[in-house]
Amino acid sequence: MRRASRLLALWLALWLPAAHAQQCKGTLYLTIDTGWMNHAEHIARTLNKHAVKATFFLANERTYRGDYSLDASWADFWKARAAEGHTFGTHTWHHGYFRGDRKDGRTLYVHMSGQREEFDQKAMCAELNRVGDVFTQMTGKKLEHLWRAPGGITTPLAVQFAKGCGYSHVKWAKAGFLGDELPSETYPNPLLLKNALRDIRDGDILVMHLGIRSRKDGWAPAVFDPLLTGLKARGFCFATLKSPA
């Protein structure tokens, strides 16, 4: 009897991964930007519930607690996510916006506070690398060589400079824009969920946030769990993004 049980266990160990692979009809790449952080713990619990790994893009943004998302007060949160096997990229330190290239070979970067800077190659590297330096001090884990400009807004020089620092830019698929930063009055949660489940396709990069201050009807508590449930029911698997070879 014990021999039969061992053989059954061996057969299941060999068969179940193959069966799971056969059920996987496509791969999605879930990316999560920092944002207001008010739904961070809920999102982390939901990721664990569904055994989904994500790629986080980190900026030092103001949070609902009155601190900043890369302050030491958030170290335990980021350590836990690193231990769970998620991957991480830089979203710029100040979460500023690139507003155009200058004829002198610099690119304009405007902080959320309104402060304006003109980046050359060195300044761009400092802005991107600062995130990784702080994150590694917190977690012992390094970032992937990936970055995302806030709002996905780049300029030719910003992309060129970032590439010179070793970073590749990551945007998202049209259907992968999950809409959590849109006004809930005109884009209610049921509509966003319906659109995502209908339109997302194999290979899409999805984008969401750890909370959006301006949205009155929070997206993550209402949509994130049924979204992952629905996408997995369609046969999708999830993978993290990695640095280009």
C-alpha atoms as a PDB file:
ATOM      1  CA  MET A   1       0.000   0.000   0.000  1.00  0.00           C
ATOM      2  CA  ARG A   2       2.818   2.382   0.883  1.00  0.00           C
ATOM      3  CA  ARG A   3       4.491   1.597  -2.444  1.00  0.00           C
ATOM      4  CA  ALA A   4       1.263   2.380  -4.304  1.00  0.00           C
ATOM      5  CA  SER A   5       0.929   5.674  -2.424  1.00  0.00           C
ATOM      6  CA  ARG A   6       4.481   6.664  -3.297  1.00  0.00           C
ATOM      7  CA  LEU A   7       3.882   5.850  -6.957  1.00  0.00           C
ATOM      8  CA  LEU A   8       0.677   7.908  -6.932  1.00  0.00           C
ATOM      9  CA  ALA A   9       2.473  10.851  -5.347  1.00  0.00           C
ATOM     10  CA  LEU A  10       5.237  10.612  -7.952  1.00  0.00           C
ATOM     11  CA  TRP A  11       2.707  10.459 -10.791  1.00  0.00           C
ATOM     12  CA  LEU A  12       0.852  13.519  -9.461  1.00  0.00           C
ATOM     13  CA  ALA A  13       4.108  15.449  -9.090  1.00  0.00           C
ATOM     14  CA  LEU A  14       4.927  14.760 -12.724  1.00  0.00           C
ATOM     15  CA  TRP A  15       1.431  15.234 -14.112  1.00  0.00           C
ATOM     16  CA  LEU A  16       0.131  18.307 -12.299  1.00  0.00           C
ATOM     17  CA  PRO A  17       2.742  20.803 -13.618  1.00  0.00           C
ATOM     18  CA  ALA A  18       2.160  19.530 -17.155  1.00  0.00           C
ATOM     19  CA  ALA A  19      -1.585  19.839 -16.732  1.00  0.00           C
ATOM     20  CA  HIS A  20      -1.204  23.370 -15.390  1.00  0.00           C
ATOM     21  CA  ALA A  21       0.980  24.321 -18.362  1.00  0.00           C
ATOM     22  CA  GLN A  22      -1.634  22.945 -20.745  1.00  0.00           C
ATOM     23  CA  GLN A  23      -4.266  25.138 -19.081  1.00  0.00           C
ATOM     24  CA  CYS A  24      -2.149  28.268 -19.516  1.00  0.00           C
ATOM     25  CA  LYS A  25      -3.528  29.894 -22.673  1.00  0.00           C
ATOM     26  CA  GLY A  26      -1.426  33.032 -22.435  1.00  0.00           C
ATOM     27  CA  THR A  27       0.888  35.069 -20.239  1.00  0.00           C
ATOM     28  CA  LEU A  28       0.238  38.479 -18.709  1.00  0.00           C
ATOM     29  CA  TYR A  29       2.654  40.860 -17.008  1.00  0.00           C
ATOM     30  CA  LEU A  30       1.124  42.706 -14.064  1.00  0.00           C
ATOM     31  CA  THR A  31       2.957  45.917 -13.156  1.00  0.00           C
ATOM     32  CA  ILE A  32       2.146  48.009 -10.092  1.00  0.00           C
ATOM     33  CA  ASP A  33       3.274  51.603  -9.524  1.00  0.00           C
ATOM     34  CA  THR A  34       3.568  53.059  -6.036  1.00  0.00           C
ATOM     35  CA  GLY A  35       0.908  55.783  -5.920  1.00  0.00           C
ATOM     36  CA  TRP A  36      -0.930  56.788  -2.729  1.00  0.00           C
ATOM     37  CA  MET A  37      -0.259  53.391  -1.040  1.00  0.00           C
ATOM     38  CA  ASN A  38      -3.653  53.307   0.705  1.00  0.00           C
ATOM     39  CA  HIS A  39      -4.499  49.891  -0.780  1.00  0.00           C
ATOM     40  CA  ALA A  40      -0.973  48.455  -0.598  1.00  0.00           C
ATOM     41  CA  GLU A  41      -1.672  45.798   2.032  1.00  0.00           C
ATOM     42  CA  HIS A  42      -4.941  44.729   0.394  1.00  0.00           C
ATOM     43  CA  ILE A  43      -3.183  44.332  -2.950  1.00  0.00           C
ATOM     44  CA  ALA A  44      -0.364  42.325  -1.357  1.00  0.00           C
ATOM     45  CA  ARG A  45      -2.856  39.950   0.280  1.00  0.00           C
ATOM     46  CA  THR A  46      -4.719  39.510  -3.000  1.00  0.00           C
ATOM     47  CA  LEU A  47      -1.512  38.747  -4.909  1.00  0.00           C
ATOM     48  CA  ASN A  48      -0.688  36.062  -2.343  1.00  0.00           C
ATOM     49  CA  LYS A  49      -4.216  34.653  -2.472  1.00  0.00           C
ATOM     50  CA  HIS A  50      -3.903  34.108  -6.219  1.00  0.00           C
ATOM     51  CA  ALA A  51      -0.187  33.196  -6.187  1.00  0.00           C
ATOM     52  CA  VAL A  52       0.479  35.989  -8.697  1.00  0.00           C
ATOM     53  CA  LYS A  53       3.880  37.675  -8.960  1.00  0.00           C
ATOM     54  CA  ALA A  54       4.042  41.289 -10.117  1.00  0.00           C
ATOM     55  CA  THR A  55       6.643  43.821 -11.192  1.00  0.00           C
ATOM     56  CA  PHE A  56       6.573  46.910  -8.983  1.00  0.00           C
ATOM     57  CA  PHE A  57       7.795  50.295 -10.242  1.00  0.00           C
ATOM     58  CA  LEU A  58       8.884  52.394  -7.284  1.00  0.00           C
ATOM     59  CA  ALA A  59       8.999  56.147  -6.749  1.00  0.00           C
ATOM     60  CA  ASN A  60       9.295  58.056  -3.487  1.00  0.00           C
ATOM     61  CA  GLU A  61       5.699  59.276  -3.496  1.00  0.00           C
ATOM     62  CA  ARG A  62       3.687  60.921  -0.737  1.00  0.00           C
ATOM     63  CA  THR A  63       1.357  58.385   0.921  1.00  0.00           C
ATOM     64  CA  TYR A  64      -1.925  58.442   2.820  1.00  0.00           C
ATOM     65  CA  ARG A  65       0.061  58.142   6.076  1.00  0.00           C
ATOM     66  CA  GLY A  66       1.809  61.467   5.500  1.00  0.00           C
ATOM     67  CA  ASP A  67       5.166  59.851   4.827  1.00  0.00           C
ATOM     68  CA  TYR A  68       6.781  58.720   1.561  1.00  0.00           C
ATOM     69  CA  SER A  69       6.668  55.325  -0.074  1.00  0.00           C
ATOM     70  CA  LEU A  70      10.416  54.731   0.163  1.00  0.00           C
ATOM     71  CA  ASP A  71      10.786  56.028   3.713  1.00  0.00           C
ATOM     72  CA  ALA A  72      12.102  53.605   6.330  1.00  0.00           C
ATOM     73  CA  SER A  73       8.522  53.371   7.621  1.00  0.00           C
ATOM     74  CA  TRP A  74       7.706  51.278   4.527  1.00  0.00           C
ATOM     75  CA  ALA A  75      10.739  48.985   4.796  1.00  0.00           C
ATOM     76  CA  ASP A  76       8.781  46.035   6.216  1.00  0.00           C
ATOM     77  CA  PHE A  77       6.279  46.226   3.379  1.00  0.00           C
ATOM     78  CA  TRP A  78       8.981  46.176   0.705  1.00  0.00           C
ATOM     79  CA  LYS A  79      10.987  43.459   2.480  1.00  0.00           C
ATOM     80  CA  ALA A  80       7.906  41.248   2.479  1.00  0.00           C
ATOM     81  CA  ARG A  81       7.260  41.808  -1.219  1.00  0.00           C
ATOM     82  CA  ALA A  82      10.893  41.061  -2.072  1.00  0.00           C
ATOM     83  CA  ALA A  83      10.763  37.852  -0.022  1.00  0.00           C
ATOM     84  CA  GLU A  84       7.632  36.780  -1.917  1.00  0.00           C
ATOM     85  CA  GLY A  85       9.530  36.813  -5.203  1.00  0.00           C
ATOM     86  CA  HIS A  86       8.161  39.894  -6.938  1.00  0.00           C
ATOM     87  CA  THR A  87      10.457  41.995  -9.129  1.00  0.00           C
ATOM     88  CA  PHE A  88      11.098  45.723  -9.030  1.00  0.00           C
ATOM     89  CA  GLY A  89      12.033  48.610 -11.302  1.00  0.00           C
ATOM     90  CA  THR A  90      12.481  52.361 -10.903  1.00  0.00           C
ATOM     91  CA  HIS A  91       9.679  54.876 -11.459  1.00  0.00           C
ATOM     92  CA  THR A  92      12.069  57.842 -10.889  1.00  0.00           C
ATOM     93  CA  TRP A  93      12.768  59.122  -7.379  1.00  0.00           C
ATOM     94  CA  HIS A  94      10.608  62.280  -7.392  1.00  0.00           C
ATOM     95  CA  HIS A  95       7.803  60.939  -9.611  1.00  0.00           C
ATOM     96  CA  GLY A  96       8.242  63.947 -11.876  1.00  0.00           C
ATOM     97  CA  TYR A  97       7.140  64.347 -15.487  1.00  0.00           C
ATOM     98  CA  PHE A  98       9.302  64.732 -18.565  1.00  0.00           C
ATOM     99  CA  ARG A  99       8.137  67.818 -20.432  1.00  0.00           C
ATOM    100  CA  GLY A 100      10.377  68.096 -23.473  1.00  0.00           C
ATOM    101  CA  ASP A 101      13.941  68.068 -24.756  1.00  0.00           C
ATOM    102  CA  ARG A 102      16.116  71.169 -24.987  1.00  0.00           C
ATOM    103  CA  LYS A 103      18.364  72.190 -27.838  1.00  0.00           C
ATOM    104  CA  ASP A 104      21.335  72.121 -25.456  1.00  0.00           C
ATOM    105  CA  GLY A 105      20.977  68.348 -25.073  1.00  0.00           C
ATOM    106  CA  ARG A 106      19.065  68.290 -21.815  1.00  0.00           C
ATOM    107  CA  THR A 107      15.548  67.098 -20.989  1.00  0.00           C
ATOM    108  CA  LEU A 108      13.078  68.992 -18.784  1.00  0.00           C
ATOM    109  CA  TYR A 109      11.860  67.163 -15.677  1.00  0.00           C
ATOM    110  CA  VAL A 110       9.147  68.718 -13.498  1.00  0.00           C
ATOM    111  CA  HIS A 111       8.644  67.475  -9.931  1.00  0.00           C
ATOM    112  CA  MET A 112       5.186  67.014  -8.428  1.00  0.00           C
ATOM    113  CA  SER A 113       5.980  70.114  -6.351  1.00  0.00           C
ATOM    114  CA  GLY A 114       6.469  72.132  -9.539  1.00  0.00           C
ATOM    115  CA  GLN A 115      10.252  72.286  -9.209  1.00  0.00           C
ATOM    116  CA  ARG A 116      11.894  72.150 -12.627  1.00  0.00           C
ATOM    117  CA  GLU A 117      15.174  70.458 -13.489  1.00  0.00           C
ATOM    118  CA  GLU A 118      17.018  69.977 -16.753  1.00  0.00           C
ATOM    119  CA  PHE A 119      18.625  66.544 -16.845  1.00  0.00           C
ATOM    120  CA  ASP A 120      21.782  65.553 -18.637  1.00  0.00           C
ATOM    121  CA  GLN A 121      22.967  61.942 -18.685  1.00  0.00           C
ATOM    122  CA  LYS A 122      24.503  62.109 -15.203  1.00  0.00           C
ATOM    123  CA  ALA A 123      21.435  63.703 -13.598  1.00  0.00           C
ATOM    124  CA  MET A 124      19.140  61.156 -15.235  1.00  0.00           C
ATOM    125  CA  CYS A 125      21.188  58.263 -13.885  1.00  0.00           C
ATOM    126  CA  ALA A 126      21.159  59.796 -10.395  1.00  0.00           C
ATOM    127  CA  GLU A 127      17.355  60.146 -10.478  1.00  0.00           C
ATOM    128  CA  LEU A 128      16.818  56.547 -11.577  1.00  0.00           C
ATOM    129  CA  ASN A 129      19.554  54.956  -9.462  1.00  0.00           C
ATOM    130  CA  ARG A 130      18.496  56.611  -6.213  1.00  0.00           C
ATOM    131  CA  VAL A 131      15.443  54.364  -6.071  1.00  0.00           C
ATOM    132  CA  GLY A 132      17.572  51.249  -6.375  1.00  0.00           C
ATOM    133  CA  ASP A 133      20.086  52.419  -3.794  1.00  0.00           C
ATOM    134  CA  VAL A 134      17.375  52.951  -1.175  1.00  0.00           C
ATOM    135  CA  PHE A 135      15.495  49.773  -2.076  1.00  0.00           C
ATOM    136  CA  THR A 136      18.631  47.639  -1.837  1.00  0.00           C
ATOM    137  CA  GLN A 137      19.461  49.135   1.560  1.00  0.00           C
ATOM    138  CA  MET A 138      15.951  48.221   2.729  1.00  0.00           C
ATOM    139  CA  THR A 139      15.662  44.734   1.276  1.00  0.00           C
ATOM    140  CA  GLY A 140      19.038  43.476   0.087  1.00  0.00           C
ATOM    141  CA  LYS A 141      17.455  42.985  -3.341  1.00  0.00           C
ATOM    142  CA  LYS A 142      18.456  44.831  -6.511  1.00  0.00           C
ATOM    143  CA  LEU A 143      16.148  46.367  -9.067  1.00  0.00           C
ATOM    144  CA  GLU A 144      15.795  44.984 -12.553  1.00  0.00           C
ATOM    145  CA  HIS A 145      17.287  47.296 -15.202  1.00  0.00           C
ATOM    146  CA  LEU A 146      13.806  48.565 -16.006  1.00  0.00           C
ATOM    147  CA  TRP A 147      12.163  51.951 -15.581  1.00  0.00           C
ATOM    148  CA  ARG A 148       8.801  53.553 -16.166  1.00  0.00           C
ATOM    149  CA  ALA A 149       8.352  57.270 -16.609  1.00  0.00           C
ATOM    150  CA  PRO A 150       5.474  58.660 -14.522  1.00  0.00           C
ATOM    151  CA  GLY A 151       2.378  58.717 -16.671  1.00  0.00           C
ATOM    152  CA  GLY A 152       4.345  56.706 -19.243  1.00  0.00           C
ATOM    153  CA  ILE A 153       5.418  60.069 -20.695  1.00  0.00           C
ATOM    154  CA  THR A 154       8.916  60.039 -22.140  1.00  0.00           C
ATOM    155  CA  THR A 155      11.026  62.157 -24.464  1.00  0.00           C
ATOM    156  CA  PRO A 156      13.655  60.888 -26.913  1.00  0.00           C
ATOM    157  CA  LEU A 157      16.462  62.207 -24.708  1.00  0.00           C
ATOM    158  CA  ALA A 158      14.955  60.748 -21.528  1.00  0.00           C
ATOM    159  CA  VAL A 159      14.826  57.296 -23.122  1.00  0.00           C
ATOM    160  CA  GLN A 160      18.346  57.728 -24.529  1.00  0.00           C
ATOM    161  CA  PHE A 161      19.757  58.872 -21.185  1.00  0.00           C
ATOM    162  CA  ALA A 162      18.053  56.032 -19.311  1.00  0.00           C
ATOM    163  CA  LYS A 163      19.447  53.523 -21.782  1.00  0.00           C
ATOM    164  CA  GLY A 164      22.865  55.000 -21.148  1.00  0.00           C
ATOM    165  CA  CYS A 165      22.299  54.260 -17.435  1.00  0.00           C
ATOM    166  CA  GLY A 166      21.395  50.663 -18.325  1.00  0.00           C
ATOM    167  CA  TYR A 167      17.597  50.946 -18.080  1.00  0.00           C
ATOM    168  CA  SER A 168      14.949  49.906 -20.610  1.00  0.00           C
ATOM    169  CA  HIS A 169      11.610  51.721 -20.535  1.00  0.00           C
ATOM    170  CA  VAL A 170       8.407  49.761 -19.842  1.00  0.00           C
ATOM    171  CA  LYS A 171       4.989  51.096 -20.842  1.00  0.00           C
ATOM    172  CA  TRP A 172       1.780  49.020 -20.987  1.00  0.00           C
ATOM    173  CA  ALA A 173      -0.734  47.630 -23.444  1.00  0.00           C
ATOM    174  CA  LYS A 174      -3.793  49.698 -24.333  1.00  0.00           C
ATOM    175  CA  ALA A 175      -6.113  47.086 -22.821  1.00  0.00           C
ATOM    176  CA  GLY A 176      -3.700  46.724 -19.898  1.00  0.00           C
ATOM    177  CA  PHE A 177      -4.471  50.231 -18.633  1.00  0.00           C
ATOM    178  CA  LEU A 178      -6.723  49.120 -15.774  1.00  0.00           C
ATOM    179  CA  GLY A 179      -8.072  52.607 -15.121  1.00  0.00           C
ATOM    180  CA  ASP A 180      -7.617  52.826 -11.359  1.00  0.00           C
ATOM    181  CA  GLU A 181      -6.484  56.462 -11.682  1.00  0.00           C
ATOM    182  CA  LEU A 182      -9.556  57.545 -13.667  1.00  0.00           C
ATOM    183  CA  PRO A 183     -12.459  59.375 -11.940  1.00  0.00           C
ATOM    184  CA  SER A 184     -14.890  56.847 -10.511  1.00  0.00           C
ATOM    185  CA  GLU A 185     -17.843  59.084 -11.400  1.00  0.00           C
ATOM    186  CA  THR A 186     -17.321  58.456 -15.122  1.00  0.00           C
ATOM    187  CA  TYR A 187     -15.412  55.158 -14.933  1.00  0.00           C
ATOM    188  CA  PRO A 188     -17.143  53.098 -12.222  1.00  0.00           C
ATOM    189  CA  ASN A 189     -15.488  49.937 -10.982  1.00  0.00           C
ATOM    190  CA  PRO A 190     -17.895  47.469 -12.668  1.00  0.00           C
ATOM    191  CA  LEU A 191     -17.203  49.086 -16.045  1.00  0.00           C
ATOM    192  CA  LEU A 192     -13.430  48.926 -15.610  1.00  0.00           C
ATOM    193  CA  LEU A 193     -13.641  45.277 -14.578  1.00  0.00           C
ATOM    194  CA  LYS A 194     -15.869  44.399 -17.524  1.00  0.00           C
ATOM    195  CA  ASN A 195     -13.573  46.150 -20.004  1.00  0.00           C
ATOM    196  CA  ALA A 196     -10.436  44.498 -18.658  1.00  0.00           C
ATOM    197  CA  LEU A 197     -11.870  40.983 -18.676  1.00  0.00           C
ATOM    198  CA  ARG A 198     -13.151  41.507 -22.209  1.00  0.00           C
ATOM    199  CA  ASP A 199     -10.150  43.193 -23.826  1.00  0.00           C
ATOM    200  CA  ILE A 200      -6.917  41.903 -22.240  1.00  0.00           C
ATOM    201  CA  ARG A 201      -4.942  39.585 -24.513  1.00  0.00           C
ATOM    202  CA  ASP A 202      -1.936  37.285 -24.330  1.00  0.00           C
ATOM    203  CA  GLY A 203       1.334  39.140 -23.795  1.00  0.00           C
ATOM    204  CA  ASP A 204      -0.247  42.325 -22.452  1.00  0.00           C
ATOM    205  CA  ILE A 205       1.519  44.402 -19.819  1.00  0.00           C
ATOM    206  CA  LEU A 206      -1.029  45.595 -17.250  1.00  0.00           C
ATOM    207  CA  VAL A 207      -0.659  48.694 -15.085  1.00  0.00           C
ATOM    208  CA  MET A 208      -2.232  49.630 -11.740  1.00  0.00           C
ATOM    209  CA  HIS A 209      -1.211  51.439  -8.544  1.00  0.00           C
ATOM    210  CA  LEU A 210      -0.987  50.778  -4.822  1.00  0.00           C
ATOM    211  CA  GLY A 211      -3.714  53.373  -4.413  1.00  0.00           C
ATOM    212  CA  ILE A 212      -4.852  56.606  -6.063  1.00  0.00           C
ATOM    213  CA  ARG A 213      -5.634  59.613  -3.886  1.00  0.00           C
ATOM    214  CA  SER A 214      -8.062  61.288  -6.275  1.00  0.00           C
ATOM    215  CA  ARG A 215     -10.328  58.294  -6.949  1.00  0.00           C
ATOM    216  CA  LYS A 216     -13.379  58.434  -4.664  1.00  0.00           C
ATOM    217  CA  ASP A 217     -14.519  54.831  -5.136  1.00  0.00           C
ATOM    218  CA  GLY A 218     -11.395  52.776  -4.500  1.00  0.00           C
ATOM    219  CA  TRP A 219     -10.520  50.462  -7.375  1.00  0.00           C
ATOM    220  CA  ALA A 220      -8.444  47.749  -5.729  1.00  0.00           C
ATOM    221  CA  PRO A 221     -10.910  46.648  -2.997  1.00  0.00           C
ATOM    222  CA  ALA A 222     -13.707  46.294  -5.556  1.00  0.00           C
ATOM    223  CA  VAL A 223     -11.932  45.095  -8.695  1.00  0.00           C
ATOM    224  CA  PHE A 224      -8.545  43.479  -8.057  1.00  0.00           C
ATOM    225  CA  ASP A 225      -9.685  40.118  -6.661  1.00  0.00           C
ATOM    226  CA  PRO A 226     -12.400  39.480  -9.293  1.00  0.00           C
ATOM    227  CA  LEU A 227     -10.023  40.691 -12.001  1.00  0.00           C
ATOM    228  CA  LEU A 228      -7.380  38.096 -11.125  1.00  0.00           C
ATOM    229  CA  THR A 229     -10.061  35.447 -10.717  1.00  0.00           C
ATOM    230  CA  GLY A 230     -11.533  36.262 -14.121  1.00  0.00           C
ATOM    231  CA  LEU A 231      -8.202  36.431 -15.947  1.00  0.00           C
ATOM    232  CA  LYS A 232      -7.089  33.101 -14.519  1.00  0.00           C
ATOM    233  CA  ALA A 233     -10.465  31.612 -15.494  1.00  0.00           C
ATOM    234  CA  ARG A 234      -9.714  32.705 -19.068  1.00  0.00           C
ATOM    235  CA  GLY A 235      -6.565  30.608 -18.885  1.00  0.00           C
ATOM    236  CA  PHE A 236      -3.988  33.355 -18.327  1.00  0.00           C
ATOM    237  CA  CYS A 237      -0.829  32.864 -16.301  1.00  0.00           C
ATOM    238  CA  PHE A 238       1.272  35.685 -14.881  1.00  0.00           C
ATOM    239  CA  ALA A 239       4.988  36.382 -15.137  1.00  0.00           C
ATOM    240  CA  THR A 240       7.291  39.160 -13.969  1.00  0.00           C
ATOM    241  CA  LEU A 241       9.349  41.391 -16.215  1.00  0.00           C
ATOM    242  CA  LYS A 242      13.103  40.906 -16.298  1.00  0.00           C
ATOM    243  CA  SER A 243      16.033  42.995 -17.457  1.00  0.00           C
ATOM    244  CA  PRO A 244      16.853  42.547 -21.152  1.00  0.00           C
ATOM    245  CA  ALA A 245      19.665  40.081 -21.740  1.00  0.00           C
END
